[in-house]
Amino acid sequence: MRRKESWRNCESKLPIDKPKINVYINLMLIPTSQNVKTVTDMREKALELLNLVEKKGFAYIFHRSQPKAVMLDIAEFVRLQELLEDYLDEQEVKKLAKEPIGKKIPLKTIIHKYV
């Protein structure tokens, strides 16, 4: 119980500028016999490959025993795009936070000029 309380006290001292990011980790990222298909499988068993991708979230495509591509489920692809966009937005914010603040213009002046 004492450890939990001290952990809670430390939590309040964490820096505010670091947002919490929930990252869902796909546990099976290594090529296995269950998630590897060949270019021949892709040609001859396209629906089977699509079903595998829908079930597992991804599949590796090999050509002549070499990995050539990864096929992703559309939901996984969208999730990765959103994660990347969030990361790039965070990097842009960090970059902009370092720039000096320019001349401040009152809101009333902007409203009068543009509205």
N, C-alpha and C. Protein backbone atom coordinates (compact mmCIF):
# COMPACT_ATOMS: atom_id res chain seq x y z
N MET A 1 0.83 -1.20 0.00
CA MET A 1 0.00 0.00 0.00
C MET A 1 0.87 1.26 0.00
N ARG A 2 1.95 1.20 0.70
CA ARG A 2 2.82 2.37 0.79
C ARG A 2 3.42 2.72 -0.58
N ARG A 3 3.79 1.70 -1.35
CA ARG A 3 4.34 1.95 -2.68
C ARG A 3 3.34 2.65 -3.58
N LYS A 4 2.11 2.20 -3.51
CA LYS A 4 1.07 2.81 -4.35
C LYS A 4 0.92 4.29 -4.03
N GLU A 5 0.91 4.63 -2.74
CA GLU A 5 0.76 6.02 -2.36
C GLU A 5 1.93 6.87 -2.84
N SER A 6 3.15 6.35 -2.70
CA SER A 6 4.30 7.14 -3.14
C SER A 6 4.30 7.29 -4.67
N TRP A 7 3.82 6.28 -5.38
CA TRP A 7 3.71 6.38 -6.83
C TRP A 7 2.71 7.46 -7.20
N ARG A 8 1.61 7.52 -6.50
CA ARG A 8 0.60 8.55 -6.78
C ARG A 8 1.16 9.94 -6.53
N ASN A 9 1.97 10.09 -5.49
CA ASN A 9 2.57 11.38 -5.21
C ASN A 9 3.53 11.79 -6.32
N CYS A 10 4.26 10.85 -6.87
CA CYS A 10 5.20 11.15 -7.96
C CYS A 10 4.45 11.51 -9.23
N GLU A 11 3.27 10.93 -9.42
CA GLU A 11 2.52 11.19 -10.64
C GLU A 11 2.18 12.68 -10.77
N SER A 12 1.88 13.33 -9.66
CA SER A 12 1.53 14.74 -9.73
C SER A 12 2.74 15.61 -10.08
N LYS A 13 3.95 15.09 -9.91
CA LYS A 13 5.16 15.85 -10.20
C LYS A 13 5.65 15.65 -11.63
N LEU A 14 4.94 14.83 -12.42
CA LEU A 14 5.34 14.61 -13.81
C LEU A 14 5.21 15.90 -14.60
N PRO A 15 6.08 16.11 -15.60
CA PRO A 15 5.97 17.31 -16.43
C PRO A 15 4.63 17.35 -17.17
N ILE A 16 4.06 18.52 -17.24
CA ILE A 16 2.75 18.69 -17.87
C ILE A 16 2.83 18.58 -19.38
N ASP A 17 3.97 18.94 -19.97
CA ASP A 17 4.05 19.00 -21.43
C ASP A 17 4.15 17.63 -22.10
N LYS A 18 4.19 16.54 -21.36
CA LYS A 18 4.26 15.21 -21.95
C LYS A 18 2.88 14.55 -21.89
N PRO A 19 2.16 14.53 -23.03
CA PRO A 19 0.85 13.90 -23.02
C PRO A 19 0.98 12.39 -22.97
N LYS A 20 -0.05 11.76 -22.40
CA LYS A 20 -0.08 10.30 -22.39
C LYS A 20 -0.58 9.82 -23.73
N ILE A 21 0.11 8.87 -24.32
CA ILE A 21 -0.29 8.32 -25.61
C ILE A 21 -0.57 6.84 -25.42
N ASN A 22 -1.77 6.42 -25.83
CA ASN A 22 -2.10 5.01 -25.78
C ASN A 22 -1.64 4.37 -27.07
N VAL A 23 -0.75 3.41 -26.95
CA VAL A 23 -0.24 2.71 -28.12
C VAL A 23 -0.63 1.25 -27.99
N TYR A 24 -1.31 0.75 -28.99
CA TYR A 24 -1.71 -0.64 -29.00
C TYR A 24 -0.63 -1.41 -29.74
N ILE A 25 -0.05 -2.38 -29.09
CA ILE A 25 1.07 -3.12 -29.65
C ILE A 25 0.56 -4.43 -30.22
N ASN A 26 0.91 -4.68 -31.46
CA ASN A 26 0.61 -5.96 -32.08
C ASN A 26 1.65 -6.94 -31.58
N LEU A 27 1.24 -8.01 -30.90
CA LEU A 27 2.17 -8.87 -30.20
C LEU A 27 2.98 -9.78 -31.11
N MET A 28 2.53 -10.01 -32.34
CA MET A 28 3.22 -10.97 -33.20
C MET A 28 3.74 -10.27 -34.45
N LEU A 29 4.86 -9.59 -34.33
CA LEU A 29 5.40 -8.84 -35.45
C LEU A 29 6.48 -9.59 -36.22
N ILE A 30 6.86 -10.76 -35.76
CA ILE A 30 7.89 -11.51 -36.48
C ILE A 30 7.22 -12.44 -37.49
N PRO A 31 7.88 -12.65 -38.63
CA PRO A 31 7.31 -13.55 -39.63
C PRO A 31 7.24 -14.99 -39.09
N THR A 32 6.09 -15.60 -39.19
CA THR A 32 5.90 -16.99 -38.80
C THR A 32 5.13 -17.69 -39.92
N SER A 33 4.99 -18.98 -39.79
CA SER A 33 4.25 -19.72 -40.81
C SER A 33 2.79 -19.29 -40.86
N GLN A 34 2.29 -18.68 -39.80
CA GLN A 34 0.89 -18.25 -39.74
C GLN A 34 0.65 -16.91 -40.42
N ASN A 35 1.66 -16.07 -40.54
CA ASN A 35 1.44 -14.74 -41.11
C ASN A 35 2.30 -14.45 -42.33
N VAL A 36 2.88 -15.49 -42.94
CA VAL A 36 3.70 -15.32 -44.14
C VAL A 36 3.01 -15.98 -45.34
N LYS A 37 2.93 -15.23 -46.42
CA LYS A 37 2.39 -15.74 -47.68
C LYS A 37 3.37 -15.38 -48.79
N THR A 38 3.29 -16.10 -49.88
CA THR A 38 4.17 -15.85 -51.01
C THR A 38 3.43 -15.07 -52.09
N VAL A 39 4.18 -14.60 -53.07
CA VAL A 39 3.57 -13.92 -54.20
C VAL A 39 2.64 -14.88 -54.94
N THR A 40 3.01 -16.14 -55.00
CA THR A 40 2.15 -17.15 -55.63
C THR A 40 0.84 -17.29 -54.88
N ASP A 41 0.91 -17.32 -53.53
CA ASP A 41 -0.32 -17.36 -52.72
C ASP A 41 -1.17 -16.14 -53.01
N MET A 42 -0.53 -15.00 -53.18
CA MET A 42 -1.26 -13.77 -53.43
C MET A 42 -2.02 -13.86 -54.76
N ARG A 43 -1.40 -14.45 -55.76
CA ARG A 43 -2.05 -14.61 -57.07
C ARG A 43 -3.15 -15.66 -57.03
N GLU A 44 -2.84 -16.81 -56.44
CA GLU A 44 -3.75 -17.95 -56.54
C GLU A 44 -4.78 -18.02 -55.43
N LYS A 45 -4.49 -17.44 -54.29
CA LYS A 45 -5.40 -17.53 -53.14
C LYS A 45 -5.64 -16.14 -52.55
N ALA A 46 -6.08 -15.22 -53.38
CA ALA A 46 -6.23 -13.82 -52.96
C ALA A 46 -7.25 -13.69 -51.83
N LEU A 47 -8.39 -14.37 -51.93
CA LEU A 47 -9.41 -14.25 -50.89
C LEU A 47 -8.93 -14.83 -49.57
N GLU A 48 -8.17 -15.93 -49.64
CA GLU A 48 -7.61 -16.51 -48.43
C GLU A 48 -6.63 -15.54 -47.76
N LEU A 49 -5.84 -14.88 -48.57
CA LEU A 49 -4.89 -13.89 -48.06
C LEU A 49 -5.62 -12.71 -47.43
N LEU A 50 -6.67 -12.23 -48.07
CA LEU A 50 -7.46 -11.13 -47.50
C LEU A 50 -8.11 -11.53 -46.18
N ASN A 51 -8.59 -12.76 -46.10
CA ASN A 51 -9.17 -13.25 -44.84
C ASN A 51 -8.12 -13.32 -43.73
N LEU A 52 -6.92 -13.78 -44.09
CA LEU A 52 -5.83 -13.82 -43.11
C LEU A 52 -5.50 -12.41 -42.60
N VAL A 53 -5.41 -11.47 -43.51
CA VAL A 53 -5.10 -10.09 -43.14
C VAL A 53 -6.20 -9.52 -42.26
N GLU A 54 -7.44 -9.81 -42.59
CA GLU A 54 -8.56 -9.32 -41.77
C GLU A 54 -8.52 -9.94 -40.38
N LYS A 55 -8.15 -11.20 -40.29
CA LYS A 55 -8.11 -11.91 -39.00
C LYS A 55 -6.91 -11.49 -38.16
N LYS A 56 -5.72 -11.47 -38.76
CA LYS A 56 -4.48 -11.19 -38.02
C LYS A 56 -4.11 -9.71 -37.98
N GLY A 57 -4.61 -8.93 -38.94
CA GLY A 57 -4.28 -7.51 -38.99
C GLY A 57 -3.19 -7.19 -40.01
N PHE A 58 -2.38 -8.20 -40.37
CA PHE A 58 -1.30 -8.00 -41.33
C PHE A 58 -0.81 -9.36 -41.83
N ALA A 59 -0.08 -9.34 -42.92
CA ALA A 59 0.59 -10.53 -43.44
C ALA A 59 1.84 -10.09 -44.19
N TYR A 60 2.89 -10.88 -44.06
CA TYR A 60 4.12 -10.63 -44.80
C TYR A 60 4.01 -11.31 -46.16
N ILE A 61 4.47 -10.63 -47.19
CA ILE A 61 4.51 -11.20 -48.53
C ILE A 61 5.98 -11.45 -48.89
N PHE A 62 6.31 -12.70 -49.19
CA PHE A 62 7.67 -13.08 -49.54
C PHE A 62 7.75 -13.43 -51.02
N HIS A 63 8.89 -13.12 -51.62
CA HIS A 63 9.18 -13.52 -52.99
C HIS A 63 10.58 -14.10 -53.01
N ARG A 64 10.70 -15.36 -53.42
CA ARG A 64 11.98 -16.07 -53.43
C ARG A 64 12.67 -16.02 -52.07
N SER A 65 11.89 -16.33 -51.06
CA SER A 65 12.36 -16.42 -49.67
C SER A 65 12.84 -15.09 -49.08
N GLN A 66 12.49 -13.99 -49.71
CA GLN A 66 12.86 -12.67 -49.20
C GLN A 66 11.60 -11.86 -48.91
N PRO A 67 11.52 -11.18 -47.77
CA PRO A 67 10.35 -10.34 -47.50
C PRO A 67 10.31 -9.17 -48.47
N LYS A 68 9.17 -8.96 -49.10
CA LYS A 68 9.03 -7.89 -50.09
C LYS A 68 7.98 -6.87 -49.72
N ALA A 69 6.97 -7.27 -48.94
CA ALA A 69 5.89 -6.34 -48.60
C ALA A 69 5.15 -6.82 -47.36
N VAL A 70 4.38 -5.91 -46.81
CA VAL A 70 3.47 -6.23 -45.71
C VAL A 70 2.09 -5.77 -46.13
N MET A 71 1.11 -6.64 -45.98
CA MET A 71 -0.27 -6.29 -46.30
C MET A 71 -0.98 -6.05 -44.97
N LEU A 72 -1.58 -4.86 -44.83
CA LEU A 72 -2.24 -4.47 -43.59
C LEU A 72 -3.75 -4.45 -43.75
N ASP A 73 -4.43 -4.77 -42.66
CA ASP A 73 -5.87 -4.59 -42.58
C ASP A 73 -6.14 -3.08 -42.63
N ILE A 74 -7.23 -2.68 -43.25
CA ILE A 74 -7.50 -1.25 -43.42
C ILE A 74 -7.63 -0.52 -42.07
N ALA A 75 -8.21 -1.17 -41.09
CA ALA A 75 -8.34 -0.54 -39.76
C ALA A 75 -6.97 -0.31 -39.13
N GLU A 76 -6.07 -1.28 -39.30
CA GLU A 76 -4.71 -1.14 -38.78
C GLU A 76 -3.96 -0.04 -39.51
N PHE A 77 -4.16 0.04 -40.82
CA PHE A 77 -3.52 1.08 -41.61
C PHE A 77 -3.98 2.47 -41.17
N VAL A 78 -5.28 2.64 -40.97
CA VAL A 78 -5.82 3.93 -40.52
C VAL A 78 -5.27 4.27 -39.14
N ARG A 79 -5.19 3.28 -38.25
CA ARG A 79 -4.68 3.51 -36.90
C ARG A 79 -3.21 3.97 -36.96
N LEU A 80 -2.42 3.33 -37.82
CA LEU A 80 -1.01 3.73 -37.95
C LEU A 80 -0.88 5.13 -38.53
N GLN A 81 -1.73 5.47 -39.49
CA GLN A 81 -1.71 6.82 -40.05
C GLN A 81 -2.03 7.85 -38.98
N GLU A 82 -3.02 7.57 -38.14
CA GLU A 82 -3.40 8.50 -37.08
C GLU A 82 -2.27 8.66 -36.06
N LEU A 83 -1.63 7.54 -35.71
CA LEU A 83 -0.49 7.62 -34.79
C LEU A 83 0.64 8.47 -35.37
N LEU A 84 0.93 8.26 -36.63
CA LEU A 84 1.98 9.04 -37.29
C LEU A 84 1.61 10.52 -37.34
N GLU A 85 0.36 10.81 -37.67
CA GLU A 85 -0.08 12.21 -37.72
C GLU A 85 0.03 12.87 -36.35
N ASP A 86 -0.38 12.14 -35.30
CA ASP A 86 -0.27 12.68 -33.94
C ASP A 86 1.18 12.94 -33.57
N TYR A 87 2.06 12.02 -33.93
CA TYR A 87 3.48 12.19 -33.63
C TYR A 87 4.05 13.41 -34.36
N LEU A 88 3.73 13.54 -35.64
CA LEU A 88 4.24 14.68 -36.41
C LEU A 88 3.68 16.00 -35.89
N ASP A 89 2.41 16.00 -35.48
CA ASP A 89 1.82 17.21 -34.87
C ASP A 89 2.57 17.58 -33.59
N GLU A 90 2.90 16.58 -32.78
CA GLU A 90 3.62 16.84 -31.55
C GLU A 90 5.00 17.43 -31.84
N GLN A 91 5.68 16.91 -32.85
CA GLN A 91 6.99 17.43 -33.22
C GLN A 91 6.88 18.88 -33.69
N GLU A 92 5.84 19.20 -34.46
CA GLU A 92 5.63 20.57 -34.94
C GLU A 92 5.38 21.52 -33.77
N VAL A 93 4.59 21.06 -32.79
CA VAL A 93 4.32 21.89 -31.61
C VAL A 93 5.60 22.17 -30.84
N LYS A 94 6.44 21.15 -30.67
CA LYS A 94 7.70 21.34 -29.97
C LYS A 94 8.59 22.34 -30.70
N LYS A 95 8.59 22.27 -32.03
CA LYS A 95 9.39 23.19 -32.84
C LYS A 95 8.86 24.62 -32.70
N LEU A 96 7.54 24.76 -32.78
CA LEU A 96 6.94 26.09 -32.68
C LEU A 96 7.09 26.69 -31.28
N ALA A 97 7.11 25.85 -30.26
CA ALA A 97 7.24 26.33 -28.89
C ALA A 97 8.59 27.01 -28.66
N LYS A 98 9.58 26.66 -29.45
CA LYS A 98 10.92 27.24 -29.30
C LYS A 98 11.07 28.58 -30.01
N GLU A 99 10.13 28.91 -30.90
CA GLU A 99 10.21 30.17 -31.64
C GLU A 99 9.78 31.33 -30.75
N PRO A 100 10.40 32.49 -30.93
CA PRO A 100 10.01 33.65 -30.11
C PRO A 100 8.62 34.15 -30.50
N ILE A 101 7.92 34.70 -29.52
CA ILE A 101 6.59 35.27 -29.77
C ILE A 101 6.76 36.63 -30.41
N GLY A 102 6.03 36.85 -31.47
CA GLY A 102 6.12 38.12 -32.20
C GLY A 102 5.27 39.20 -31.56
N LYS A 103 5.00 40.23 -32.33
CA LYS A 103 4.19 41.36 -31.86
C LYS A 103 2.76 40.88 -31.62
N LYS A 104 2.24 41.19 -30.46
CA LYS A 104 0.88 40.76 -30.12
C LYS A 104 -0.12 41.79 -30.63
N ILE A 105 -1.20 41.29 -31.26
CA ILE A 105 -2.26 42.16 -31.80
C ILE A 105 -3.53 41.89 -31.01
N PRO A 106 -4.18 42.92 -30.49
CA PRO A 106 -5.42 42.71 -29.73
C PRO A 106 -6.50 42.07 -30.61
N LEU A 107 -7.32 41.24 -30.00
CA LEU A 107 -8.39 40.54 -30.71
C LEU A 107 -9.38 41.52 -31.34
N LYS A 108 -9.67 42.61 -30.67
CA LYS A 108 -10.61 43.61 -31.21
C LYS A 108 -10.11 44.17 -32.54
N THR A 109 -8.80 44.38 -32.65
CA THR A 109 -8.23 44.90 -33.90
C THR A 109 -8.41 43.90 -35.04
N ILE A 110 -8.19 42.64 -34.75
CA ILE A 110 -8.34 41.60 -35.78
C ILE A 110 -9.78 41.48 -36.20
N ILE A 111 -10.70 41.49 -35.25
CA ILE A 111 -12.13 41.40 -35.57
C ILE A 111 -12.56 42.59 -36.42
N HIS A 112 -12.14 43.77 -36.03
CA HIS A 112 -12.51 44.99 -36.78
C HIS A 112 -11.98 44.93 -38.21
N LYS A 113 -10.77 44.40 -38.38
CA LYS A 113 -10.15 44.38 -39.68
C LYS A 113 -10.74 43.30 -40.60
N TYR A 114 -11.07 42.13 -40.09
CA TYR A 114 -11.47 41.02 -40.94
C TYR A 114 -12.95 40.65 -40.88
N VAL A 115 -13.70 41.20 -39.94
CA VAL A 115 -15.12 40.81 -39.86
C VAL A 115 -16.03 41.93 -40.30
